[in-house]
Amino acid sequence: MPVKNIVIFASGAGTNAQQIINYFKYDKQTKVVLVVCNNPKAGVLQIASNEQIPVLLIQKEHFKETGYLSEIEKYEPKLIVLAGFLWMIPKMLINHFPEKIINIHPALLPAYGGKGMYGSAVHKAVIQSKEEESGITIHYVDDKYDHGRTIFQARCALEDNETVESLAKKIHKLEHKYYPVVIQSLLNNEIPE
């Protein structure tokens, strides 16, 4: 059977990228073949180096114009996985890889999504709105922030004394638990539970 290639896009520390790499490390059918990053100081670059995964460092204007399509195509991705990647994905990439680009968002979309809604900004908004629960949304990427069709959601309860830090921990736990599993389901053409 042909190997299913995953390309990870990340901008930051790379904790989700590391979880995904670890999950598929001994899987003969699936391989993380490339890390695409827009931040030369991102922690994910060290992870890629440690795991001996090639890196494509991208620049904004060129990304907007070309999507680095020819460079990415060489790796024949079955799935492109955004793991804390903060730029909008250009239309040409979305059109070229229809329903092959997914993202994880640290809230229950459609609530608390959109431009500027990432990381602690999301958790702060959820707490300020006195929500009883939050969670994660894994969704297909389209040409709007946090907008594409939902694939999977997982939830967690908020305590009365919840802080941005404590909620972030809960959300990270959900991300690390479910993102690799959902990726595997999609690669196997199964519907995530």
N, C-alpha and C. Protein backbone atom coordinates (compact mmCIF):
# COMPACT_ATOMS: atom_id res chain seq x y z
N MET A 1 0.84 -1.22 0.00
CA MET A 1 0.00 0.00 0.00
C MET A 1 0.86 1.25 0.00
N PRO A 2 0.43 2.27 -0.76
CA PRO A 2 1.23 3.51 -0.75
C PRO A 2 1.16 4.19 0.61
N VAL A 3 2.25 4.84 0.98
CA VAL A 3 2.29 5.55 2.26
C VAL A 3 1.44 6.82 2.13
N LYS A 4 0.71 7.14 3.20
CA LYS A 4 -0.11 8.36 3.22
C LYS A 4 0.72 9.47 3.83
N ASN A 5 0.99 10.48 3.03
CA ASN A 5 1.86 11.58 3.47
C ASN A 5 1.06 12.71 4.12
N ILE A 6 1.61 13.19 5.24
CA ILE A 6 1.02 14.34 5.94
C ILE A 6 2.01 15.50 5.87
N VAL A 7 1.49 16.68 5.54
CA VAL A 7 2.28 17.92 5.63
C VAL A 7 1.67 18.73 6.76
N ILE A 8 2.53 19.16 7.70
CA ILE A 8 2.06 19.96 8.84
C ILE A 8 2.45 21.42 8.64
N PHE A 9 1.49 22.33 8.80
CA PHE A 9 1.76 23.77 8.82
C PHE A 9 1.72 24.22 10.27
N ALA A 10 2.76 24.91 10.74
CA ALA A 10 2.77 25.40 12.12
C ALA A 10 3.52 26.72 12.20
N SER A 11 3.16 27.54 13.20
CA SER A 11 3.80 28.86 13.37
C SER A 11 4.52 28.99 14.70
N GLY A 12 4.29 28.06 15.63
CA GLY A 12 4.75 28.31 17.00
C GLY A 12 5.54 27.17 17.60
N ALA A 13 5.22 26.88 18.87
CA ALA A 13 6.01 25.90 19.64
C ALA A 13 5.95 24.50 19.05
N GLY A 14 4.82 24.18 18.44
CA GLY A 14 4.73 22.89 17.76
C GLY A 14 4.30 21.73 18.64
N THR A 15 3.57 22.01 19.75
CA THR A 15 3.17 20.89 20.62
C THR A 15 2.22 19.93 19.90
N ASN A 16 1.28 20.48 19.12
CA ASN A 16 0.39 19.60 18.36
C ASN A 16 1.16 18.86 17.27
N ALA A 17 2.07 19.55 16.62
CA ALA A 17 2.90 18.89 15.59
C ALA A 17 3.65 17.72 16.20
N GLN A 18 4.22 17.92 17.38
CA GLN A 18 4.97 16.85 18.05
C GLN A 18 4.06 15.65 18.34
N GLN A 19 2.86 15.92 18.82
CA GLN A 19 1.92 14.84 19.12
C GLN A 19 1.58 14.03 17.86
N ILE A 20 1.38 14.75 16.76
CA ILE A 20 1.03 14.09 15.49
C ILE A 20 2.21 13.25 15.01
N ILE A 21 3.41 13.82 15.08
CA ILE A 21 4.62 13.09 14.66
C ILE A 21 4.79 11.83 15.52
N ASN A 22 4.63 11.98 16.83
CA ASN A 22 4.76 10.83 17.74
C ASN A 22 3.74 9.75 17.42
N TYR A 23 2.52 10.19 17.16
CA TYR A 23 1.42 9.25 16.92
C TYR A 23 1.69 8.36 15.70
N PHE A 24 2.27 8.96 14.66
CA PHE A 24 2.47 8.22 13.42
C PHE A 24 3.90 7.68 13.25
N LYS A 25 4.73 7.89 14.27
CA LYS A 25 6.16 7.56 14.14
C LYS A 25 6.41 6.11 13.71
N TYR A 26 5.64 5.18 14.26
CA TYR A 26 5.89 3.75 13.95
C TYR A 26 4.82 3.17 13.03
N ASP A 27 4.05 4.06 12.41
CA ASP A 27 3.00 3.63 11.49
C ASP A 27 3.62 3.49 10.10
N LYS A 28 3.62 2.30 9.58
CA LYS A 28 4.26 2.05 8.28
C LYS A 28 3.46 2.66 7.13
N GLN A 29 2.17 2.96 7.39
CA GLN A 29 1.29 3.43 6.31
C GLN A 29 1.23 4.96 6.21
N THR A 30 1.72 5.64 7.25
CA THR A 30 1.52 7.09 7.34
C THR A 30 2.82 7.76 7.75
N LYS A 31 3.07 8.93 7.13
CA LYS A 31 4.36 9.58 7.43
C LYS A 31 4.19 11.10 7.37
N VAL A 32 4.75 11.78 8.36
CA VAL A 32 4.84 13.25 8.28
C VAL A 32 6.07 13.55 7.43
N VAL A 33 5.84 14.14 6.25
CA VAL A 33 6.93 14.29 5.27
C VAL A 33 7.49 15.70 5.18
N LEU A 34 6.75 16.70 5.74
CA LEU A 34 7.19 18.09 5.61
C LEU A 34 6.54 18.93 6.71
N VAL A 35 7.33 19.87 7.25
CA VAL A 35 6.78 20.90 8.14
C VAL A 35 6.93 22.23 7.42
N VAL A 36 5.81 22.92 7.24
CA VAL A 36 5.79 24.25 6.61
C VAL A 36 5.63 25.27 7.74
N CYS A 37 6.51 26.27 7.75
CA CYS A 37 6.51 27.23 8.86
C CYS A 37 6.76 28.64 8.34
N ASN A 38 6.10 29.61 8.96
CA ASN A 38 6.23 31.01 8.55
C ASN A 38 7.03 31.82 9.56
N ASN A 39 7.63 31.14 10.55
CA ASN A 39 8.29 31.87 11.63
C ASN A 39 9.66 31.25 11.89
N PRO A 40 10.74 31.96 11.48
CA PRO A 40 12.08 31.39 11.61
C PRO A 40 12.51 31.12 13.05
N LYS A 41 11.75 31.65 14.03
CA LYS A 41 12.11 31.42 15.44
C LYS A 41 11.19 30.39 16.10
N ALA A 42 10.32 29.76 15.33
CA ALA A 42 9.30 28.85 15.91
C ALA A 42 9.94 27.60 16.49
N GLY A 43 9.40 27.16 17.62
CA GLY A 43 9.87 25.94 18.26
C GLY A 43 9.69 24.70 17.40
N VAL A 44 8.69 24.75 16.52
CA VAL A 44 8.41 23.59 15.66
C VAL A 44 9.60 23.25 14.75
N LEU A 45 10.45 24.23 14.48
CA LEU A 45 11.61 23.98 13.61
C LEU A 45 12.59 23.03 14.30
N GLN A 46 12.75 23.19 15.62
CA GLN A 46 13.62 22.29 16.38
C GLN A 46 13.04 20.88 16.40
N ILE A 47 11.72 20.80 16.52
CA ILE A 47 11.05 19.49 16.50
C ILE A 47 11.31 18.81 15.16
N ALA A 48 11.11 19.55 14.08
CA ALA A 48 11.33 18.99 12.74
C ALA A 48 12.78 18.51 12.59
N SER A 49 13.70 19.31 13.08
CA SER A 49 15.13 18.96 13.02
C SER A 49 15.40 17.68 13.82
N ASN A 50 14.87 17.61 15.04
CA ASN A 50 15.05 16.42 15.89
C ASN A 50 14.49 15.17 15.24
N GLU A 51 13.36 15.34 14.52
CA GLU A 51 12.67 14.20 13.92
C GLU A 51 13.13 13.94 12.48
N GLN A 52 14.10 14.76 12.02
CA GLN A 52 14.64 14.65 10.65
C GLN A 52 13.54 14.76 9.59
N ILE A 53 12.68 15.74 9.79
CA ILE A 53 11.62 16.03 8.82
C ILE A 53 12.00 17.32 8.10
N PRO A 54 11.94 17.32 6.76
CA PRO A 54 12.29 18.54 6.02
C PRO A 54 11.37 19.71 6.40
N VAL A 55 11.92 20.92 6.27
CA VAL A 55 11.18 22.14 6.61
C VAL A 55 11.12 23.05 5.38
N LEU A 56 9.97 23.67 5.18
CA LEU A 56 9.81 24.70 4.17
C LEU A 56 9.47 25.99 4.92
N LEU A 57 10.43 26.93 4.94
CA LEU A 57 10.17 28.24 5.58
C LEU A 57 9.57 29.15 4.53
N ILE A 58 8.43 29.72 4.84
CA ILE A 58 7.71 30.47 3.80
C ILE A 58 7.64 31.96 4.13
N GLN A 59 7.47 32.77 3.07
CA GLN A 59 7.33 34.21 3.22
C GLN A 59 5.96 34.65 2.74
N LYS A 60 5.42 35.65 3.40
CA LYS A 60 4.00 35.99 3.23
C LYS A 60 3.60 36.32 1.79
N GLU A 61 4.33 37.22 1.15
CA GLU A 61 3.92 37.63 -0.20
C GLU A 61 3.95 36.46 -1.17
N HIS A 62 5.02 35.69 -1.10
CA HIS A 62 5.17 34.53 -1.99
C HIS A 62 4.08 33.50 -1.70
N PHE A 63 3.74 33.35 -0.42
CA PHE A 63 2.69 32.40 -0.02
C PHE A 63 1.35 32.84 -0.60
N LYS A 64 1.05 34.15 -0.49
CA LYS A 64 -0.21 34.68 -1.03
C LYS A 64 -0.28 34.47 -2.54
N GLU A 65 0.86 34.69 -3.23
CA GLU A 65 0.87 34.61 -4.70
C GLU A 65 0.85 33.18 -5.21
N THR A 66 1.66 32.32 -4.60
CA THR A 66 1.86 30.98 -5.19
C THR A 66 1.37 29.85 -4.30
N GLY A 67 1.16 30.14 -3.00
CA GLY A 67 0.81 29.07 -2.06
C GLY A 67 1.93 28.05 -1.89
N TYR A 68 3.10 28.35 -2.48
CA TYR A 68 4.21 27.38 -2.49
C TYR A 68 3.71 26.02 -3.02
N LEU A 69 2.77 26.11 -3.97
CA LEU A 69 2.10 24.91 -4.44
C LEU A 69 3.06 23.87 -5.01
N SER A 70 3.99 24.34 -5.88
CA SER A 70 4.88 23.36 -6.52
C SER A 70 5.78 22.68 -5.50
N GLU A 71 6.23 23.44 -4.48
CA GLU A 71 7.09 22.86 -3.44
C GLU A 71 6.31 21.82 -2.61
N ILE A 72 5.08 22.15 -2.29
CA ILE A 72 4.27 21.27 -1.45
C ILE A 72 3.84 20.02 -2.23
N GLU A 73 3.49 20.23 -3.50
CA GLU A 73 3.05 19.12 -4.35
C GLU A 73 4.08 17.99 -4.44
N LYS A 74 5.35 18.37 -4.41
CA LYS A 74 6.43 17.37 -4.50
C LYS A 74 6.30 16.30 -3.43
N TYR A 75 5.70 16.66 -2.29
CA TYR A 75 5.59 15.74 -1.16
C TYR A 75 4.31 14.89 -1.22
N GLU A 76 3.50 15.13 -2.25
CA GLU A 76 2.27 14.35 -2.48
C GLU A 76 1.44 14.15 -1.20
N PRO A 77 1.03 15.26 -0.57
CA PRO A 77 0.29 15.10 0.69
C PRO A 77 -1.09 14.50 0.48
N LYS A 78 -1.43 13.56 1.32
CA LYS A 78 -2.80 13.04 1.35
C LYS A 78 -3.64 13.98 2.23
N LEU A 79 -2.95 14.64 3.20
CA LEU A 79 -3.62 15.56 4.09
C LEU A 79 -2.64 16.67 4.49
N ILE A 80 -3.15 17.90 4.50
CA ILE A 80 -2.38 19.04 5.02
C ILE A 80 -3.04 19.42 6.35
N VAL A 81 -2.22 19.43 7.40
CA VAL A 81 -2.73 19.60 8.76
C VAL A 81 -2.20 20.91 9.33
N LEU A 82 -3.10 21.84 9.66
CA LEU A 82 -2.68 23.08 10.31
C LEU A 82 -2.66 22.85 11.81
N ALA A 83 -1.49 23.12 12.41
CA ALA A 83 -1.32 22.90 13.85
C ALA A 83 -0.76 24.18 14.44
N GLY A 84 -1.66 25.14 14.71
CA GLY A 84 -1.21 26.43 15.22
C GLY A 84 -0.55 27.25 14.13
N PHE A 85 -1.16 27.25 12.95
CA PHE A 85 -0.64 28.04 11.83
C PHE A 85 -1.51 29.28 11.69
N LEU A 86 -0.89 30.48 11.70
CA LEU A 86 -1.66 31.71 11.90
C LEU A 86 -2.00 32.48 10.63
N TRP A 87 -1.53 32.04 9.47
CA TRP A 87 -1.86 32.77 8.25
C TRP A 87 -3.05 32.14 7.55
N MET A 88 -3.75 32.99 6.79
CA MET A 88 -4.83 32.52 5.93
C MET A 88 -4.23 31.66 4.81
N ILE A 89 -4.88 30.55 4.51
CA ILE A 89 -4.41 29.66 3.43
C ILE A 89 -4.91 30.22 2.10
N PRO A 90 -4.00 30.42 1.11
CA PRO A 90 -4.44 30.98 -0.18
C PRO A 90 -5.42 30.07 -0.91
N LYS A 91 -6.29 30.71 -1.67
CA LYS A 91 -7.35 29.99 -2.39
C LYS A 91 -6.81 28.89 -3.29
N MET A 92 -5.66 29.17 -3.93
CA MET A 92 -5.15 28.16 -4.89
C MET A 92 -4.81 26.85 -4.19
N LEU A 93 -4.32 26.94 -2.95
CA LEU A 93 -4.01 25.72 -2.20
C LEU A 93 -5.31 24.99 -1.82
N ILE A 94 -6.30 25.77 -1.39
CA ILE A 94 -7.59 25.18 -1.01
C ILE A 94 -8.22 24.49 -2.22
N ASN A 95 -8.17 25.15 -3.37
CA ASN A 95 -8.76 24.58 -4.59
C ASN A 95 -7.99 23.35 -5.06
N HIS A 96 -6.68 23.37 -4.88
CA HIS A 96 -5.84 22.26 -5.35
C HIS A 96 -5.98 21.03 -4.46
N PHE A 97 -6.23 21.27 -3.16
CA PHE A 97 -6.38 20.17 -2.20
C PHE A 97 -7.77 20.24 -1.55
N PRO A 98 -8.84 20.01 -2.33
CA PRO A 98 -10.18 20.18 -1.76
C PRO A 98 -10.43 19.14 -0.65
N GLU A 99 -10.91 19.64 0.50
CA GLU A 99 -11.17 18.80 1.68
C GLU A 99 -9.97 17.93 2.05
N LYS A 100 -8.78 18.48 1.80
CA LYS A 100 -7.54 17.79 2.19
C LYS A 100 -6.73 18.66 3.16
N ILE A 101 -7.28 19.84 3.50
CA ILE A 101 -6.61 20.75 4.45
C ILE A 101 -7.51 20.89 5.66
N ILE A 102 -6.95 20.56 6.85
CA ILE A 102 -7.76 20.64 8.07
C ILE A 102 -7.06 21.52 9.10
N ASN A 103 -7.87 22.03 10.02
CA ASN A 103 -7.35 22.90 11.07
C ASN A 103 -7.99 22.49 12.40
N ILE A 104 -7.30 22.82 13.49
CA ILE A 104 -7.87 22.62 14.82
C ILE A 104 -8.00 23.99 15.48
N HIS A 105 -9.16 24.23 16.10
CA HIS A 105 -9.43 25.52 16.72
C HIS A 105 -9.77 25.29 18.20
N PRO A 106 -9.22 26.13 19.11
CA PRO A 106 -9.38 25.87 20.55
C PRO A 106 -10.68 26.40 21.13
N ALA A 107 -11.79 26.21 20.41
CA ALA A 107 -13.12 26.58 20.92
C ALA A 107 -14.15 25.81 20.10
N LEU A 108 -15.41 25.92 20.52
CA LEU A 108 -16.49 25.22 19.83
C LEU A 108 -17.05 26.14 18.75
N LEU A 109 -16.49 26.02 17.55
CA LEU A 109 -16.98 26.85 16.44
C LEU A 109 -18.45 26.49 16.18
N PRO A 110 -19.24 27.44 15.66
CA PRO A 110 -18.84 28.74 15.12
C PRO A 110 -18.56 29.83 16.15
N ALA A 111 -18.73 29.54 17.44
CA ALA A 111 -18.44 30.56 18.46
C ALA A 111 -16.93 30.75 18.60
N TYR A 112 -16.51 31.96 18.88
CA TYR A 112 -15.11 32.28 19.21
C TYR A 112 -14.13 31.92 18.10
N GLY A 113 -14.55 32.18 16.87
CA GLY A 113 -13.64 31.99 15.74
C GLY A 113 -13.45 33.31 15.02
N GLY A 114 -12.60 33.30 13.99
CA GLY A 114 -12.40 34.48 13.17
C GLY A 114 -11.04 35.10 13.39
N LYS A 115 -10.78 36.18 12.68
CA LYS A 115 -9.48 36.83 12.71
C LYS A 115 -9.11 37.24 14.13
N GLY A 116 -7.89 36.95 14.53
CA GLY A 116 -7.41 37.34 15.86
C GLY A 116 -7.83 36.40 16.97
N MET A 117 -8.69 35.43 16.64
CA MET A 117 -9.15 34.48 17.67
C MET A 117 -8.28 33.24 17.66
N TYR A 118 -7.18 33.33 18.40
CA TYR A 118 -6.31 32.16 18.54
C TYR A 118 -5.65 32.22 19.91
N GLY A 119 -5.20 31.07 20.38
CA GLY A 119 -4.48 31.00 21.64
C GLY A 119 -5.27 31.57 22.80
N SER A 120 -4.59 32.33 23.65
CA SER A 120 -5.22 32.80 24.89
C SER A 120 -6.36 33.79 24.64
N ALA A 121 -6.37 34.45 23.50
CA ALA A 121 -7.47 35.38 23.18
C ALA A 121 -8.81 34.64 23.16
N VAL A 122 -8.78 33.42 22.66
CA VAL A 122 -10.00 32.60 22.61
C VAL A 122 -10.45 32.24 24.02
N HIS A 123 -9.51 31.72 24.83
CA HIS A 123 -9.85 31.28 26.19
C HIS A 123 -10.38 32.45 27.03
N LYS A 124 -9.75 33.62 26.86
CA LYS A 124 -10.15 34.82 27.59
C LYS A 124 -11.61 35.18 27.24
N ALA A 125 -11.93 35.14 25.95
CA ALA A 125 -13.28 35.48 25.50
C ALA A 125 -14.30 34.49 26.04
N VAL A 126 -13.95 33.21 26.03
CA VAL A 126 -14.85 32.16 26.53
C VAL A 126 -15.14 32.39 28.02
N ILE A 127 -14.11 32.67 28.80
CA ILE A 127 -14.26 32.88 30.25
C ILE A 127 -15.06 34.15 30.53
N GLN A 128 -14.73 35.23 29.80
CA GLN A 128 -15.44 36.50 30.02
C GLN A 128 -16.93 36.39 29.70
N SER A 129 -17.27 35.49 28.77
CA SER A 129 -18.68 35.31 28.40
C SER A 129 -19.41 34.36 29.35
N LYS A 130 -18.69 33.92 30.39
CA LYS A 130 -19.26 33.02 31.40
C LYS A 130 -19.86 31.75 30.79
N GLU A 131 -19.16 31.20 29.79
CA GLU A 131 -19.60 29.93 29.18
C GLU A 131 -19.45 28.80 30.20
N GLU A 132 -20.27 27.79 30.04
CA GLU A 132 -20.17 26.63 30.93
C GLU A 132 -19.24 25.57 30.36
N GLU A 133 -19.01 25.64 29.05
CA GLU A 133 -18.10 24.68 28.44
C GLU A 133 -17.35 25.32 27.28
N SER A 134 -16.22 24.70 26.96
CA SER A 134 -15.48 25.06 25.76
C SER A 134 -15.04 23.74 25.12
N GLY A 135 -14.05 23.82 24.25
CA GLY A 135 -13.61 22.58 23.62
C GLY A 135 -12.77 22.85 22.40
N ILE A 136 -12.73 21.85 21.52
CA ILE A 136 -11.96 21.99 20.29
C ILE A 136 -12.86 21.68 19.10
N THR A 137 -12.52 22.28 17.97
CA THR A 137 -13.20 21.99 16.72
C THR A 137 -12.13 21.66 15.68
N ILE A 138 -12.28 20.52 15.05
CA ILE A 138 -11.43 20.17 13.91
C ILE A 138 -12.31 20.35 12.68
N HIS A 139 -11.81 21.14 11.72
CA HIS A 139 -12.66 21.48 10.57
C HIS A 139 -11.84 21.56 9.28
N TYR A 140 -12.54 21.44 8.17
CA TYR A 140 -11.89 21.67 6.87
C TYR A 140 -11.60 23.16 6.73
N VAL A 141 -10.55 23.48 5.99
CA VAL A 141 -10.16 24.87 5.78
C VAL A 141 -10.80 25.38 4.49
N ASP A 142 -11.43 26.55 4.60
CA ASP A 142 -11.88 27.24 3.39
C ASP A 142 -11.26 28.64 3.39
N ASP A 143 -11.84 29.55 2.60
CA ASP A 143 -11.18 30.86 2.42
C ASP A 143 -11.56 31.88 3.48
N LYS A 144 -12.16 31.44 4.60
CA LYS A 144 -12.43 32.35 5.72
C LYS A 144 -11.83 31.71 6.98
N TYR A 145 -11.41 32.56 7.93
CA TYR A 145 -10.86 32.05 9.18
C TYR A 145 -11.90 31.20 9.92
N ASP A 146 -11.50 30.01 10.35
CA ASP A 146 -12.30 29.18 11.27
C ASP A 146 -13.72 28.94 10.75
N HIS A 147 -13.86 28.67 9.47
CA HIS A 147 -15.19 28.68 8.88
C HIS A 147 -15.59 27.35 8.23
N GLY A 148 -14.65 26.58 7.73
CA GLY A 148 -14.99 25.38 6.94
C GLY A 148 -15.79 24.35 7.73
N ARG A 149 -16.33 23.39 7.00
CA ARG A 149 -17.21 22.37 7.57
C ARG A 149 -16.55 21.65 8.75
N THR A 150 -17.32 21.51 9.85
CA THR A 150 -16.82 20.85 11.05
C THR A 150 -16.71 19.35 10.82
N ILE A 151 -15.58 18.78 11.26
CA ILE A 151 -15.35 17.34 11.17
C ILE A 151 -15.60 16.69 12.53
N PHE A 152 -15.16 17.38 13.60
CA PHE A 152 -15.19 16.76 14.93
C PHE A 152 -15.12 17.85 16.00
N GLN A 153 -15.84 17.63 17.09
CA GLN A 153 -15.73 18.52 18.27
C GLN A 153 -15.61 17.67 19.54
N ALA A 154 -14.85 18.17 20.50
CA ALA A 154 -14.78 17.57 21.83
C ALA A 154 -14.94 18.71 22.84
N ARG A 155 -15.55 18.40 23.97
CA ARG A 155 -15.92 19.45 24.93
C ARG A 155 -15.28 19.24 26.29
N CYS A 156 -15.16 20.33 27.03
CA CYS A 156 -14.74 20.26 28.43
C CYS A 156 -15.53 21.31 29.21
N ALA A 157 -15.76 21.02 30.50
CA ALA A 157 -16.53 21.94 31.35
C ALA A 157 -15.61 23.03 31.90
N LEU A 158 -16.17 24.20 32.13
CA LEU A 158 -15.43 25.29 32.77
C LEU A 158 -15.80 25.33 34.26
N GLU A 159 -14.80 25.49 35.11
CA GLU A 159 -15.03 25.63 36.56
C GLU A 159 -15.34 27.10 36.85
N ASP A 160 -15.87 27.35 38.04
CA ASP A 160 -16.19 28.73 38.44
C ASP A 160 -14.93 29.60 38.51
N ASN A 161 -13.81 28.97 38.87
CA ASN A 161 -12.57 29.76 39.04
C ASN A 161 -11.62 29.56 37.86
N GLU A 162 -12.17 29.22 36.71
CA GLU A 162 -11.33 28.93 35.53
C GLU A 162 -10.48 30.14 35.17
N THR A 163 -9.21 29.88 34.84
CA THR A 163 -8.32 30.95 34.34
C THR A 163 -7.96 30.62 32.89
N VAL A 164 -7.39 31.61 32.23
CA VAL A 164 -6.93 31.38 30.84
C VAL A 164 -5.94 30.22 30.82
N GLU A 165 -5.05 30.17 31.81
CA GLU A 165 -4.02 29.12 31.86
C GLU A 165 -4.63 27.74 32.10
N SER A 166 -5.59 27.67 33.03
CA SER A 166 -6.17 26.36 33.34
C SER A 166 -7.02 25.85 32.18
N LEU A 167 -7.71 26.77 31.51
CA LEU A 167 -8.52 26.38 30.35
C LEU A 167 -7.60 25.95 29.20
N ALA A 168 -6.52 26.69 29.02
CA ALA A 168 -5.57 26.33 27.95
C ALA A 168 -5.05 24.90 28.15
N LYS A 169 -4.79 24.53 29.40
CA LYS A 169 -4.32 23.17 29.70
C LYS A 169 -5.35 22.13 29.29
N LYS A 170 -6.61 22.40 29.64
CA LYS A 170 -7.69 21.47 29.29
C LYS A 170 -7.81 21.31 27.77
N ILE A 171 -7.72 22.45 27.09
CA ILE A 171 -7.87 22.44 25.62
C ILE A 171 -6.69 21.70 24.98
N HIS A 172 -5.48 21.96 25.47
CA HIS A 172 -4.31 21.24 24.94
C HIS A 172 -4.47 19.74 25.09
N LYS A 173 -4.99 19.34 26.24
CA LYS A 173 -5.21 17.91 26.49
C LYS A 173 -6.13 17.31 25.42
N LEU A 174 -7.22 18.03 25.14
CA LEU A 174 -8.17 17.57 24.12
C LEU A 174 -7.51 17.53 22.74
N GLU A 175 -6.76 18.59 22.43
CA GLU A 175 -6.09 18.65 21.12
C GLU A 175 -5.16 17.46 20.95
N HIS A 176 -4.33 17.23 21.96
CA HIS A 176 -3.32 16.17 21.86
C HIS A 176 -3.96 14.79 21.81
N LYS A 177 -5.10 14.65 22.50
CA LYS A 177 -5.78 13.36 22.51
C LYS A 177 -6.46 13.07 21.17
N TYR A 178 -7.15 14.07 20.62
CA TYR A 178 -8.05 13.80 19.50
C TYR A 178 -7.48 14.11 18.11
N TYR A 179 -6.61 15.11 17.99
CA TYR A 179 -6.18 15.53 16.64
C TYR A 179 -5.54 14.37 15.87
N PRO A 180 -4.56 13.66 16.45
CA PRO A 180 -3.94 12.57 15.69
C PRO A 180 -4.95 11.47 15.31
N VAL A 181 -5.90 11.20 16.21
CA VAL A 181 -6.89 10.15 15.95
C VAL A 181 -7.80 10.53 14.80
N VAL A 182 -8.23 11.79 14.79
CA VAL A 182 -9.10 12.28 13.71
C VAL A 182 -8.33 12.28 12.39
N ILE A 183 -7.07 12.68 12.42
CA ILE A 183 -6.23 12.64 11.21
C ILE A 183 -6.19 11.21 10.66
N GLN A 184 -5.97 10.26 11.56
CA GLN A 184 -5.92 8.87 11.11
C GLN A 184 -7.26 8.43 10.50
N SER A 185 -8.37 8.80 11.13
CA SER A 185 -9.69 8.47 10.58
C SER A 185 -9.86 9.02 9.17
N LEU A 186 -9.47 10.28 8.99
CA LEU A 186 -9.62 10.92 7.67
C LEU A 186 -8.75 10.22 6.63
N LEU A 187 -7.53 9.87 7.02
CA LEU A 187 -6.62 9.18 6.09
C LEU A 187 -7.18 7.81 5.70
N ASN A 188 -7.93 7.20 6.60
CA ASN A 188 -8.53 5.89 6.33
C ASN A 188 -9.96 6.01 5.77
N ASN A 189 -10.33 7.27 5.42
CA ASN A 189 -11.67 7.55 4.88
C ASN A 189 -12.78 7.11 5.82
N GLU A 190 -12.54 7.24 7.11
CA GLU A 190 -13.57 6.93 8.11
C GLU A 190 -14.11 8.22 8.68
N ILE A 191 -15.31 8.16 9.18
CA ILE A 191 -15.89 9.34 9.83
C ILE A 191 -15.45 9.32 11.29
N PRO A 192 -14.78 10.40 11.76
CA PRO A 192 -14.35 10.43 13.17
C PRO A 192 -15.55 10.32 14.10
N GLU A 193 -15.39 9.55 15.18
CA GLU A 193 -16.46 9.38 16.19
C GLU A 193 -16.50 10.60 17.10
